[in-house]
Every structure is written in structure tokens, then in C-alpha cells.
């Protein structure tokens, strides 16, 4: 195999590692591309191309994450991961781990970890790398990596929900949710939400966003049932899609451009979190992005005219 063929065969794995470390599609793609440049420039052939490229991309991702954490601390409003529609890496033997680790809930838990803890956890518990390869990737001893993993698992375990619905239940609940949303049905929405549901919006200061997290079934249901019928009047449409392996939807303007995404987390037969990403910087990889400010002005005009 040529270098290009070897790299392209491993690209899905490399991207999936980088995305879980970074929580950003664009930064993960950049890390993978930088990994290729370093591999292409190497004059010696590694014993294991997979180990070499995984190590290289992991180290790049760790460096990027360290600088990204500073920006995220100064982020305007809540920070959410860049939405991922399709994870390119598949491994039937690790299907459950791969699906769980890419959810928004899991990625937000990973934000609690240090860059080294996060990388060790991703490489070991998600992709089942050996400690020798992990040690080489993060530049620590195997013993130190084992300690990092213990701490990472403890943090992840403390934040994980006790129970999550299976895929079919999630999809059925999501279908009812979006039907009620389209109808502006407050009672229908309320019946699907947990009592302590939270609606979180990520605009990053670059698009209209919620002033704060909206909590409680009544508040969330009324807000959603008020806003989305108004948006429908100006041609906003939605299509059901899995977002980070969980049910959700892409919302488009009348020209088909991406306005925002909604992602749902289901616990104990109810929707526990509704997450919206409207920051245009986080949507560009999905296609052309709508002018959210213009749409917001149209919606406000309709609301003023509505008796």
C-alpha cells in the first residue's frame, strides 16, 4: 500500500479519536490533516502505521485542546460540542462504546477531564488501545496512564445517568416530540418532558440565543410551543436526523440553509435535555448556514402582529 492508501484506510479511526478528544468536527479534521502532513514528511517507515498515526493525531489533539480550553472558559453562554451526524469509524466489537462516547452528554462529561485524562480514557475505554501505545501517545509511563484512567473513569462514572432508553424507545419518543413541536402543542410537549428537563442553547454570541438555560417541563414546553410555530410561518422546516448518535433534527430556512440543530437526551422514558446549537461556526461543516439574526427579526415581527 502507498502512504496515501495507508492513511486513508486509517482516516475514520483518526478522526473519531480526535473528535472525542476535542468535541469539534473542524478541529478534529485539522488534527487529522496535520497528522497526514507529518506522516508524509517522515523519511522512516514506522513499524506500525496505525500506532504512529494514532500517536501523532492524539498529540496534536492534546495540544489543540489545551488552547481550546482557555477559549471555552471565555465562551459567550453555554458551550456545546459541534454536532456530528455520522461517525465514520465502525467496529462491531466496540459498537456500544463508540455510540455512547460520541453523544453530547458523554462529550460534555469529557470536558470535566484534563487533556491527558481525556485522551487516555478515549484511547483505552473507547478504542481499546494497549497501555504501551497509550503511553507513547500521551508521553507518560504505562503506570501513569493507568492512574490517569482511574481518575477519568471516576469522573465519568459520577456524571453518567443511571439509566438511558434503548434506541427504539428514543426514536419513538423523539418522533412524538417533533410532532408536538410542529403543532405547537404545549400539553403534548409537556407530557414527553421530565419534570427537571433543561433546554440549553449554544449561540456563542454569534447568533440569537437563550439568555440562560430554561428549566422545568412547563417552561420548556411553553417556550418551544411558542417559538417553533412562528418559525414555521416563515418557511423554517426540519428533518429528523441522529445528532451525535441520539435523536434530533436539522432545521433549515426557506432556502434550505442550516439554521440550527436540536438534540435530545432521553432518560427513564422522558426527555431530560433539549440541546440547540445555532452558533454558525459550529454548523458550517453541515452545509451552507442561514442568517439566524435575520430569521430572528422576522419571527419577532410576526409575534408583534399576532393578537
C-alpha atoms as a PDB file:
ATOM      1  CA  UNK A   1       0.000   0.000   0.000  1.00  0.00           C
ATOM      2  CA  UNK A   2       1.106   3.536  -0.681  1.00  0.00           C
ATOM      3  CA  UNK A   3       1.323   6.102   2.106  1.00  0.00           C
ATOM      4  CA  UNK A   4      -1.873   7.708   0.877  1.00  0.00           C
ATOM      5  CA  UNK A   5      -3.731   4.384   0.880  1.00  0.00           C
ATOM      6  CA  UNK A   6      -2.490   3.527   4.361  1.00  0.00           C
ATOM      7  CA  UNK A   7      -3.560   6.914   5.657  1.00  0.00           C
ATOM      8  CA  UNK A   8      -6.992   6.865   4.014  1.00  0.00           C
ATOM      9  CA  UNK A   9      -7.674   3.443   5.491  1.00  0.00           C
ATOM     10  CA  UNK A  10      -6.980   4.821   8.960  1.00  0.00           C
ATOM     11  CA  UNK A  11      -8.634   8.236   8.478  1.00  0.00           C
ATOM     12  CA  UNK A  12     -12.014   7.225  10.020  1.00  0.00           C
ATOM     13  CA  UNK A  13     -10.309   5.957  13.172  1.00  0.00           C
ATOM     14  CA  UNK A  14      -8.061   9.009  13.425  1.00  0.00           C
ATOM     15  CA  UNK A  15     -10.975  11.408  13.038  1.00  0.00           C
ATOM     16  CA  UNK A  16     -13.054   9.534  15.609  1.00  0.00           C
ATOM     17  CA  UNK A  17     -10.212   9.701  18.144  1.00  0.00           C
ATOM     18  CA  UNK A  18      -9.609  13.404  17.527  1.00  0.00           C
ATOM     19  CA  UNK A  19     -13.297  14.319  17.656  1.00  0.00           C
ATOM     20  CA  UNK A  20     -13.791  12.657  21.031  1.00  0.00           C
ATOM     21  CA  UNK A  21     -10.747  14.428  22.432  1.00  0.00           C
ATOM     22  CA  UNK A  22     -11.717  17.817  21.002  1.00  0.00           C
ATOM     23  CA  UNK A  23     -15.516  17.861  20.686  1.00  0.00           C
ATOM     24  CA  UNK A  24     -15.094  19.770  17.437  1.00  0.00           C
ATOM     25  CA  UNK A  25     -15.516  18.458  13.900  1.00  0.00           C
ATOM     26  CA  UNK A  26     -13.414  21.183  12.286  1.00  0.00           C
ATOM     27  CA  UNK A  27     -10.596  20.907  14.829  1.00  0.00           C
ATOM     28  CA  UNK A  28     -10.625  17.107  14.526  1.00  0.00           C
ATOM     29  CA  UNK A  29     -10.397  17.344  10.740  1.00  0.00           C
ATOM     30  CA  UNK A  30      -7.500  19.793  11.069  1.00  0.00           C
ATOM     31  CA  UNK A  31      -5.707  17.477  13.509  1.00  0.00           C
ATOM     32  CA  UNK A  32      -6.076  14.540  11.121  1.00  0.00           C
ATOM     33  CA  UNK A  33      -4.793  16.620   8.195  1.00  0.00           C
ATOM     34  CA  UNK A  34      -1.795  17.736  10.240  1.00  0.00           C
ATOM     35  CA  UNK A  35      -1.180  14.079  11.117  1.00  0.00           C
ATOM     36  CA  UNK A  36      -1.068  13.265   7.407  1.00  0.00           C
ATOM     37  CA  UNK A  37       1.419  16.062   6.707  1.00  0.00           C
ATOM     38  CA  UNK A  38       3.744  14.778   9.422  1.00  0.00           C
ATOM     39  CA  UNK A  39       3.430  11.202   8.204  1.00  0.00           C
ATOM     40  CA  UNK A  40       4.030  12.213   4.606  1.00  0.00           C
ATOM     41  CA  UNK A  41       7.120  14.183   5.622  1.00  0.00           C
ATOM     42  CA  UNK A  42       8.568  11.286   7.633  1.00  0.00           C
ATOM     43  CA  UNK A  43      11.569   9.664   5.977  1.00  0.00           C
ATOM     44  CA  UNK A  44      11.410   6.451   8.024  1.00  0.00           C
ATOM     45  CA  UNK A  45       8.676   3.845   7.838  1.00  0.00           C
ATOM     46  CA  UNK A  46       7.123   3.106  11.249  1.00  0.00           C
ATOM     47  CA  UNK A  47       6.787  -0.462  12.452  1.00  0.00           C
ATOM     48  CA  UNK A  48       3.053   0.169  12.906  1.00  0.00           C
ATOM     49  CA  UNK A  49       1.438   2.865  10.788  1.00  0.00           C
ATOM     50  CA  UNK A  50      -1.677   2.736  12.960  1.00  0.00           C
ATOM     51  CA  UNK A  51       0.325   3.309  16.149  1.00  0.00           C
ATOM     52  CA  UNK A  52       2.363   6.089  14.547  1.00  0.00           C
ATOM     53  CA  UNK A  53      -0.634   7.984  13.187  1.00  0.00           C
ATOM     54  CA  UNK A  54      -2.765   7.460  16.296  1.00  0.00           C
ATOM     55  CA  UNK A  55       0.071   8.780  18.446  1.00  0.00           C
ATOM     56  CA  UNK A  56       0.644  11.742  16.155  1.00  0.00           C
ATOM     57  CA  UNK A  57      -3.009  12.754  15.934  1.00  0.00           C
ATOM     58  CA  UNK A  58      -3.538  12.276  19.680  1.00  0.00           C
ATOM     59  CA  UNK A  59      -0.590  14.535  20.498  1.00  0.00           C
ATOM     60  CA  UNK A  60      -1.838  17.182  18.082  1.00  0.00           C
ATOM     61  CA  UNK A  61      -5.331  16.961  19.583  1.00  0.00           C
ATOM     62  CA  UNK A  62      -3.979  17.316  23.132  1.00  0.00           C
ATOM     63  CA  UNK A  63      -2.114  20.494  22.161  1.00  0.00           C
ATOM     64  CA  UNK A  64      -5.207  21.901  20.443  1.00  0.00           C
ATOM     65  CA  UNK A  65      -7.414  21.032  23.423  1.00  0.00           C
ATOM     66  CA  UNK A  66      -5.137  22.816  25.863  1.00  0.00           C
ATOM     67  CA  UNK A  67      -5.532  26.078  23.965  1.00  0.00           C
ATOM     68  CA  UNK A  68      -9.222  25.434  23.259  1.00  0.00           C
ATOM     69  CA  UNK A  69      -9.991  25.077  26.966  1.00  0.00           C
ATOM     70  CA  UNK A  70      -8.929  28.685  27.518  1.00  0.00           C
ATOM     71  CA  UNK A  71     -11.278  29.867  24.749  1.00  0.00           C
ATOM     72  CA  UNK A  72     -14.132  27.771  26.121  1.00  0.00           C
ATOM     73  CA  UNK A  73     -13.760  29.364  29.541  1.00  0.00           C
ATOM     74  CA  UNK A  74     -14.383  32.748  27.873  1.00  0.00           C
ATOM     75  CA  UNK A  75     -17.166  31.456  25.617  1.00  0.00           C
ATOM     76  CA  UNK A  76     -20.350  33.517  25.421  1.00  0.00           C
ATOM     77  CA  UNK A  77     -23.045  31.403  27.053  1.00  0.00           C
ATOM     78  CA  UNK A  78     -23.174  27.601  27.313  1.00  0.00           C
ATOM     79  CA  UNK A  79     -20.662  25.647  25.219  1.00  0.00           C
ATOM     80  CA  UNK A  80     -21.833  22.547  23.360  1.00  0.00           C
ATOM     81  CA  UNK A  81     -19.837  20.227  21.083  1.00  0.00           C
ATOM     82  CA  UNK A  82     -20.000  20.664  17.326  1.00  0.00           C
ATOM     83  CA  UNK A  83     -22.807  18.375  16.130  1.00  0.00           C
ATOM     84  CA  UNK A  84     -21.747  15.186  14.378  1.00  0.00           C
ATOM     85  CA  UNK A  85     -24.213  13.456  12.062  1.00  0.00           C
ATOM     86  CA  UNK A  86     -22.207  10.359  11.175  1.00  0.00           C
ATOM     87  CA  UNK A  87     -19.256   8.795  12.963  1.00  0.00           C
ATOM     88  CA  UNK A  88     -17.036   7.460  10.149  1.00  0.00           C
ATOM     89  CA  UNK A  89     -15.395   4.729  12.236  1.00  0.00           C
ATOM     90  CA  UNK A  90     -17.178   1.426  12.778  1.00  0.00           C
ATOM     91  CA  UNK A  91     -16.140  -1.556  14.863  1.00  0.00           C
ATOM     92  CA  UNK A  92     -18.873  -4.096  15.634  1.00  0.00           C
ATOM     93  CA  UNK A  93     -16.942  -5.327  18.661  1.00  0.00           C
ATOM     94  CA  UNK A  94     -16.952  -1.798  20.153  1.00  0.00           C
ATOM     95  CA  UNK A  95     -20.320  -0.564  18.839  1.00  0.00           C
ATOM     96  CA  UNK A  96     -21.802   0.251  22.260  1.00  0.00           C
ATOM     97  CA  UNK A  97     -18.715   2.107  23.475  1.00  0.00           C
ATOM     98  CA  UNK A  98     -18.434   4.053  20.228  1.00  0.00           C
ATOM     99  CA  UNK A  99     -22.097   5.093  20.266  1.00  0.00           C
ATOM    100  CA  UNK A 100     -22.119   6.132  23.929  1.00  0.00           C
ATOM    101  CA  UNK A 101     -18.851   8.050  23.749  1.00  0.00           C
ATOM    102  CA  UNK A 102     -19.951  10.297  20.886  1.00  0.00           C
ATOM    103  CA  UNK A 103     -23.198  11.509  22.487  1.00  0.00           C
ATOM    104  CA  UNK A 104     -23.350  15.130  23.557  1.00  0.00           C
ATOM    105  CA  UNK A 105     -23.867  14.048  27.155  1.00  0.00           C
ATOM    106  CA  UNK A 106     -20.651  11.995  27.085  1.00  0.00           C
ATOM    107  CA  UNK A 107     -18.675  14.742  25.344  1.00  0.00           C
ATOM    108  CA  UNK A 108     -19.792  17.238  27.968  1.00  0.00           C
ATOM    109  CA  UNK A 109     -18.665  14.825  30.683  1.00  0.00           C
ATOM    110  CA  UNK A 110     -15.307  14.517  28.932  1.00  0.00           C
ATOM    111  CA  UNK A 111     -14.961  18.301  29.254  1.00  0.00           C
ATOM    112  CA  UNK A 112     -14.517  17.757  33.002  1.00  0.00           C
ATOM    113  CA  UNK A 113     -11.301  15.810  32.418  1.00  0.00           C
ATOM    114  CA  UNK A 114      -7.812  17.144  31.890  1.00  0.00           C
ATOM    115  CA  UNK A 115      -6.488  16.772  28.325  1.00  0.00           C
ATOM    116  CA  UNK A 116      -4.345  13.799  29.373  1.00  0.00           C
ATOM    117  CA  UNK A 117      -7.172  12.086  31.284  1.00  0.00           C
ATOM    118  CA  UNK A 118      -9.494  12.621  28.353  1.00  0.00           C
ATOM    119  CA  UNK A 119      -7.040  11.207  25.841  1.00  0.00           C
ATOM    120  CA  UNK A 120      -6.227   8.148  27.943  1.00  0.00           C
ATOM    121  CA  UNK A 121      -9.922   7.457  28.527  1.00  0.00           C
ATOM    122  CA  UNK A 122     -10.748   7.768  24.816  1.00  0.00           C
ATOM    123  CA  UNK A 123      -7.879   5.572  23.688  1.00  0.00           C
ATOM    124  CA  UNK A 124      -8.448   2.871  26.313  1.00  0.00           C
ATOM    125  CA  UNK A 125     -12.155   2.688  27.093  1.00  0.00           C
ATOM    126  CA  UNK A 126     -13.492   3.679  23.684  1.00  0.00           C
ATOM    127  CA  UNK A 127     -10.937   2.273  21.252  1.00  0.00           C
ATOM    128  CA  UNK A 128      -9.290  -0.415  23.433  1.00  0.00           C
ATOM    129  CA  UNK A 129      -5.688   0.624  22.764  1.00  0.00           C
ATOM    130  CA  UNK A 130      -2.999  -1.137  24.765  1.00  0.00           C
ATOM    131  CA  UNK A 131      -1.288   0.791  27.551  1.00  0.00           C
ATOM    132  CA  UNK A 132       2.027   0.655  25.684  1.00  0.00           C
ATOM    133  CA  UNK A 133       0.521   2.545  22.739  1.00  0.00           C
ATOM    134  CA  UNK A 134      -1.351   4.921  25.045  1.00  0.00           C
ATOM    135  CA  UNK A 135       1.834   5.721  26.956  1.00  0.00           C
ATOM    136  CA  UNK A 136       3.603   6.532  23.695  1.00  0.00           C
ATOM    137  CA  UNK A 137       0.715   8.698  22.541  1.00  0.00           C
ATOM    138  CA  UNK A 138       0.446  10.874  25.658  1.00  0.00           C
ATOM    139  CA  UNK A 139       4.115  10.839  26.648  1.00  0.00           C
ATOM    140  CA  UNK A 140       3.645   9.257  30.072  1.00  0.00           C
ATOM    141  CA  UNK A 141       4.615   5.915  31.596  1.00  0.00           C
ATOM    142  CA  UNK A 142       2.186   3.000  31.488  1.00  0.00           C
ATOM    143  CA  UNK A 143       1.787   3.237  35.266  1.00  0.00           C
ATOM    144  CA  UNK A 144       0.941   6.933  34.998  1.00  0.00           C
ATOM    145  CA  UNK A 145      -1.564   6.186  32.250  1.00  0.00           C
ATOM    146  CA  UNK A 146      -3.290   3.628  34.435  1.00  0.00           C
ATOM    147  CA  UNK A 147      -3.656   6.253  37.167  1.00  0.00           C
ATOM    148  CA  UNK A 148      -4.963   8.778  34.664  1.00  0.00           C
ATOM    149  CA  UNK A 149      -7.530   6.225  33.532  1.00  0.00           C
ATOM    150  CA  UNK A 150      -8.667   5.518  37.109  1.00  0.00           C
ATOM    151  CA  UNK A 151      -9.304   9.235  37.686  1.00  0.00           C
ATOM    152  CA  UNK A 152     -11.012   9.653  34.311  1.00  0.00           C
ATOM    153  CA  UNK A 153     -13.332   6.696  34.900  1.00  0.00           C
ATOM    154  CA  UNK A 154     -14.270   8.033  38.320  1.00  0.00           C
ATOM    155  CA  UNK A 155     -15.247  11.441  36.904  1.00  0.00           C
ATOM    156  CA  UNK A 156     -17.172   9.867  34.038  1.00  0.00           C
ATOM    157  CA  UNK A 157     -18.984   7.421  36.308  1.00  0.00           C
ATOM    158  CA  UNK A 158     -20.028  10.177  38.715  1.00  0.00           C
ATOM    159  CA  UNK A 159     -21.676  12.147  35.945  1.00  0.00           C
ATOM    160  CA  UNK A 160     -23.335   9.362  33.949  1.00  0.00           C
ATOM    161  CA  UNK A 161     -27.108   8.927  34.159  1.00  0.00           C
ATOM    162  CA  UNK A 162     -28.381   5.828  35.928  1.00  0.00           C
ATOM    163  CA  UNK A 163     -30.492   4.671  33.006  1.00  0.00           C
ATOM    164  CA  UNK A 164     -30.922   5.573  29.359  1.00  0.00           C
ATOM    165  CA  UNK A 165     -33.578   4.343  26.968  1.00  0.00           C
ATOM    166  CA  UNK A 166     -32.747   1.949  24.161  1.00  0.00           C
ATOM    167  CA  UNK A 167     -32.540   3.199  20.593  1.00  0.00           C
ATOM    168  CA  UNK A 168     -36.081   2.280  19.565  1.00  0.00           C
ATOM    169  CA  UNK A 169     -37.608   3.968  22.611  1.00  0.00           C
ATOM    170  CA  UNK A 170     -35.526   7.080  21.996  1.00  0.00           C
ATOM    171  CA  UNK A 171     -36.624   7.276  18.358  1.00  0.00           C
ATOM    172  CA  UNK A 172     -40.307   6.782  19.185  1.00  0.00           C
ATOM    173  CA  UNK A 173     -40.194   9.468  21.865  1.00  0.00           C
ATOM    174  CA  UNK A 174     -38.362  11.853  19.530  1.00  0.00           C
ATOM    175  CA  UNK A 175     -40.983  11.326  16.819  1.00  0.00           C
ATOM    176  CA  UNK A 176     -43.755  12.306  19.222  1.00  0.00           C
ATOM    177  CA  UNK A 177     -41.721  15.275  20.440  1.00  0.00           C
ATOM    178  CA  UNK A 178     -41.176  16.756  16.984  1.00  0.00           C
ATOM    179  CA  UNK A 179     -44.803  16.153  16.025  1.00  0.00           C
ATOM    180  CA  UNK A 180     -45.931  18.085  19.107  1.00  0.00           C
ATOM    181  CA  UNK A 181     -43.332  20.754  18.368  1.00  0.00           C
ATOM    182  CA  UNK A 182     -44.639  21.240  14.832  1.00  0.00           C
ATOM    183  CA  UNK A 183     -48.187  21.604  16.162  1.00  0.00           C
ATOM    184  CA  UNK A 184     -47.223  23.993  18.949  1.00  0.00           C
ATOM    185  CA  UNK A 185     -48.856  21.518  21.331  1.00  0.00           C
ATOM    186  CA  UNK A 186     -47.905  22.577  24.855  1.00  0.00           C
ATOM    187  CA  UNK A 187     -49.661  19.676  26.567  1.00  0.00           C
ATOM    188  CA  UNK A 188     -48.155  17.172  24.144  1.00  0.00           C
ATOM    189  CA  UNK A 189     -44.658  18.502  24.719  1.00  0.00           C
ATOM    190  CA  UNK A 190     -45.098  18.699  28.482  1.00  0.00           C
ATOM    191  CA  UNK A 191     -46.118  15.049  28.638  1.00  0.00           C
ATOM    192  CA  UNK A 192     -42.847  13.996  26.990  1.00  0.00           C
ATOM    193  CA  UNK A 193     -40.507  16.063  29.151  1.00  0.00           C
ATOM    194  CA  UNK A 194     -39.059  15.123  32.518  1.00  0.00           C
ATOM    195  CA  UNK A 195     -40.033  17.403  35.393  1.00  0.00           C
ATOM    196  CA  UNK A 196     -36.497  18.810  35.594  1.00  0.00           C
ATOM    197  CA  UNK A 197     -35.819  18.959  31.838  1.00  0.00           C
ATOM    198  CA  UNK A 198     -33.330  21.567  30.655  1.00  0.00           C
ATOM    199  CA  UNK A 199     -33.232  23.453  27.358  1.00  0.00           C
ATOM    200  CA  UNK A 200     -29.702  24.631  26.564  1.00  0.00           C
ATOM    201  CA  UNK A 201     -28.785  26.840  23.611  1.00  0.00           C
ATOM    202  CA  UNK A 202     -25.329  27.465  22.146  1.00  0.00           C
ATOM    203  CA  UNK A 203     -25.079  30.624  20.067  1.00  0.00           C
ATOM    204  CA  UNK A 204     -21.579  31.599  21.123  1.00  0.00           C
ATOM    205  CA  UNK A 205     -22.522  35.267  20.881  1.00  0.00           C
ATOM    206  CA  UNK A 206     -22.710  34.903  17.099  1.00  0.00           C
ATOM    207  CA  UNK A 207     -26.434  34.114  16.786  1.00  0.00           C
ATOM    208  CA  UNK A 208     -29.604  34.722  18.803  1.00  0.00           C
ATOM    209  CA  UNK A 209     -29.538  32.540  21.863  1.00  0.00           C
ATOM    210  CA  UNK A 210     -31.298  31.949  25.143  1.00  0.00           C
ATOM    211  CA  UNK A 211     -30.320  34.345  27.885  1.00  0.00           C
ATOM    212  CA  UNK A 212     -29.951  31.357  30.193  1.00  0.00           C
ATOM    213  CA  UNK A 213     -30.768  27.689  30.460  1.00  0.00           C
ATOM    214  CA  UNK A 214     -34.528  27.109  30.597  1.00  0.00           C
ATOM    215  CA  UNK A 215     -35.512  24.516  33.210  1.00  0.00           C
ATOM    216  CA  UNK A 216     -38.722  22.671  34.033  1.00  0.00           C
ATOM    217  CA  UNK A 217     -41.269  20.911  31.835  1.00  0.00           C
ATOM    218  CA  UNK A 218     -43.782  23.763  31.858  1.00  0.00           C
ATOM    219  CA  UNK A 219     -41.264  26.456  30.931  1.00  0.00           C
ATOM    220  CA  UNK A 220     -39.572  24.406  28.220  1.00  0.00           C
ATOM    221  CA  UNK A 221     -42.852  23.226  26.679  1.00  0.00           C
ATOM    222  CA  UNK A 222     -44.310  26.725  26.518  1.00  0.00           C
ATOM    223  CA  UNK A 223     -41.179  28.246  25.026  1.00  0.00           C
ATOM    224  CA  UNK A 224     -40.852  25.595  22.329  1.00  0.00           C
ATOM    225  CA  UNK A 225     -44.563  25.618  21.524  1.00  0.00           C
ATOM    226  CA  UNK A 226     -44.487  29.401  21.142  1.00  0.00           C
ATOM    227  CA  UNK A 227     -41.374  29.826  19.009  1.00  0.00           C
ATOM    228  CA  UNK A 228     -41.456  26.959  16.519  1.00  0.00           C
ATOM    229  CA  UNK A 229     -44.928  27.593  15.020  1.00  0.00           C
ATOM    230  CA  UNK A 230     -43.817  31.188  14.377  1.00  0.00           C
ATOM    231  CA  UNK A 231     -40.688  29.912  12.647  1.00  0.00           C
ATOM    232  CA  UNK A 232     -42.798  27.609  10.501  1.00  0.00           C
ATOM    233  CA  UNK A 233     -44.702  30.647   9.227  1.00  0.00           C
ATOM    234  CA  UNK A 234     -41.533  31.979   7.594  1.00  0.00           C
ATOM    235  CA  UNK A 235     -40.614  28.699   5.972  1.00  0.00           C
ATOM    236  CA  UNK A 236     -38.444  27.059   8.618  1.00  0.00           C
ATOM    237  CA  UNK A 237     -38.535  23.296   8.137  1.00  0.00           C
ATOM    238  CA  UNK A 238     -36.910  20.397   9.949  1.00  0.00           C
ATOM    239  CA  UNK A 239     -35.698  16.927   9.107  1.00  0.00           C
ATOM    240  CA  UNK A 240     -35.161  14.160  11.655  1.00  0.00           C
ATOM    241  CA  UNK A 241     -31.514  13.151  11.970  1.00  0.00           C
ATOM    242  CA  UNK A 242     -29.381  11.420  14.529  1.00  0.00           C
ATOM    243  CA  UNK A 243     -27.191  14.017  16.207  1.00  0.00           C
ATOM    244  CA  UNK A 244     -24.147  12.501  17.887  1.00  0.00           C
ATOM    245  CA  UNK A 245     -25.843   9.126  17.887  1.00  0.00           C
ATOM    246  CA  UNK A 246     -29.010  10.406  19.575  1.00  0.00           C
ATOM    247  CA  UNK A 247     -32.344  11.518  18.079  1.00  0.00           C
ATOM    248  CA  UNK A 248     -32.557  15.081  16.879  1.00  0.00           C
ATOM    249  CA  UNK A 249     -33.292  17.269  13.895  1.00  0.00           C
ATOM    250  CA  UNK A 250     -31.721  19.729  11.473  1.00  0.00           C
ATOM    251  CA  UNK A 251     -33.657  22.961  10.959  1.00  0.00           C
ATOM    252  CA  UNK A 252     -33.464  24.752   7.594  1.00  0.00           C
ATOM    253  CA  UNK A 253     -34.527  28.173   6.375  1.00  0.00           C
ATOM    254  CA  UNK A 254     -36.704  28.639   3.287  1.00  0.00           C
ATOM    255  CA  UNK A 255     -33.601  28.362   1.084  1.00  0.00           C
ATOM    256  CA  UNK A 256     -32.539  25.073   2.644  1.00  0.00           C
ATOM    257  CA  UNK A 257     -29.655  26.540   4.642  1.00  0.00           C
ATOM    258  CA  UNK A 258     -28.877  25.190   8.114  1.00  0.00           C
ATOM    259  CA  UNK A 259     -30.360  27.307  10.895  1.00  0.00           C
ATOM    260  CA  UNK A 260     -29.723  25.152  13.950  1.00  0.00           C
ATOM    261  CA  UNK A 261     -29.902  21.637  15.333  1.00  0.00           C
ATOM    262  CA  UNK A 262     -31.851  20.161  18.206  1.00  0.00           C
ATOM    263  CA  UNK A 263     -30.530  17.085  20.026  1.00  0.00           C
ATOM    264  CA  UNK A 264     -32.490  15.135  22.629  1.00  0.00           C
ATOM    265  CA  UNK A 265     -31.331  13.105  25.624  1.00  0.00           C
ATOM    266  CA  UNK A 266     -33.814  10.539  26.903  1.00  0.00           C
ATOM    267  CA  UNK A 267     -33.804   9.180  30.452  1.00  0.00           C
ATOM    268  CA  UNK A 268     -36.384   6.981  32.159  1.00  0.00           C
ATOM    269  CA  UNK A 269     -38.888   7.357  29.329  1.00  0.00           C
ATOM    270  CA  UNK A 270     -38.785  11.168  29.283  1.00  0.00           C
ATOM    271  CA  UNK A 271     -36.719  13.809  27.536  1.00  0.00           C
ATOM    272  CA  UNK A 272     -34.165  15.091  30.018  1.00  0.00           C
ATOM    273  CA  UNK A 273     -32.202  17.546  27.874  1.00  0.00           C
ATOM    274  CA  UNK A 274     -33.002  19.522  24.743  1.00  0.00           C
ATOM    275  CA  UNK A 275     -29.803  20.958  23.280  1.00  0.00           C
ATOM    276  CA  UNK A 276     -29.726  23.505  20.480  1.00  0.00           C
ATOM    277  CA  UNK A 277     -26.641  24.567  18.537  1.00  0.00           C
ATOM    278  CA  UNK A 278     -27.163  27.736  16.485  1.00  0.00           C
ATOM    279  CA  UNK A 279     -23.595  29.129  16.520  1.00  0.00           C
ATOM    280  CA  UNK A 280     -22.808  29.379  12.771  1.00  0.00           C
ATOM    281  CA  UNK A 281     -19.159  28.482  13.399  1.00  0.00           C
ATOM    282  CA  UNK A 282     -20.318  25.035  14.589  1.00  0.00           C
ATOM    283  CA  UNK A 283     -22.682  24.376  11.692  1.00  0.00           C
ATOM    284  CA  UNK A 284     -20.580  25.131   8.607  1.00  0.00           C
ATOM    285  CA  UNK A 285     -19.450  21.521   8.188  1.00  0.00           C
ATOM    286  CA  UNK A 286     -23.115  20.529   7.739  1.00  0.00           C
ATOM    287  CA  UNK A 287     -23.680  22.819   4.746  1.00  0.00           C
ATOM    288  CA  UNK A 288     -24.495  26.471   3.955  1.00  0.00           C
ATOM    289  CA  UNK A 289     -25.588  28.306   7.113  1.00  0.00           C
ATOM    290  CA  UNK A 290     -28.660  30.513   7.420  1.00  0.00           C
ATOM    291  CA  UNK A 291     -28.701  34.101   8.683  1.00  0.00           C
ATOM    292  CA  UNK A 292     -30.051  33.465  12.170  1.00  0.00           C
ATOM    293  CA  UNK A 293     -30.246  37.171  13.023  1.00  0.00           C
ATOM    294  CA  UNK A 294     -32.472  37.887  10.016  1.00  0.00           C
ATOM    295  CA  UNK A 295     -34.735  34.981  10.918  1.00  0.00           C
ATOM    296  CA  UNK A 296     -34.934  36.204  14.497  1.00  0.00           C
ATOM    297  CA  UNK A 297     -36.091  39.622  13.266  1.00  0.00           C
ATOM    298  CA  UNK A 298     -38.797  38.017  11.101  1.00  0.00           C
ATOM    299  CA  UNK A 299     -40.056  35.913  13.984  1.00  0.00           C
ATOM    300  CA  UNK A 300     -40.243  38.984  16.240  1.00  0.00           C
ATOM    301  CA  UNK A 301     -42.213  40.875  13.603  1.00  0.00           C
ATOM    302  CA  UNK A 302     -44.731  38.035  13.359  1.00  0.00           C
ATOM    303  CA  UNK A 303     -45.017  37.887  17.132  1.00  0.00           C
ATOM    304  CA  UNK A 304     -45.757  41.640  17.306  1.00  0.00           C
ATOM    305  CA  UNK A 305     -48.522  41.251  14.704  1.00  0.00           C
ATOM    306  CA  UNK A 306     -50.080  38.258  16.446  1.00  0.00           C
ATOM    307  CA  UNK A 307     -53.009  39.273  18.668  1.00  0.00           C
END
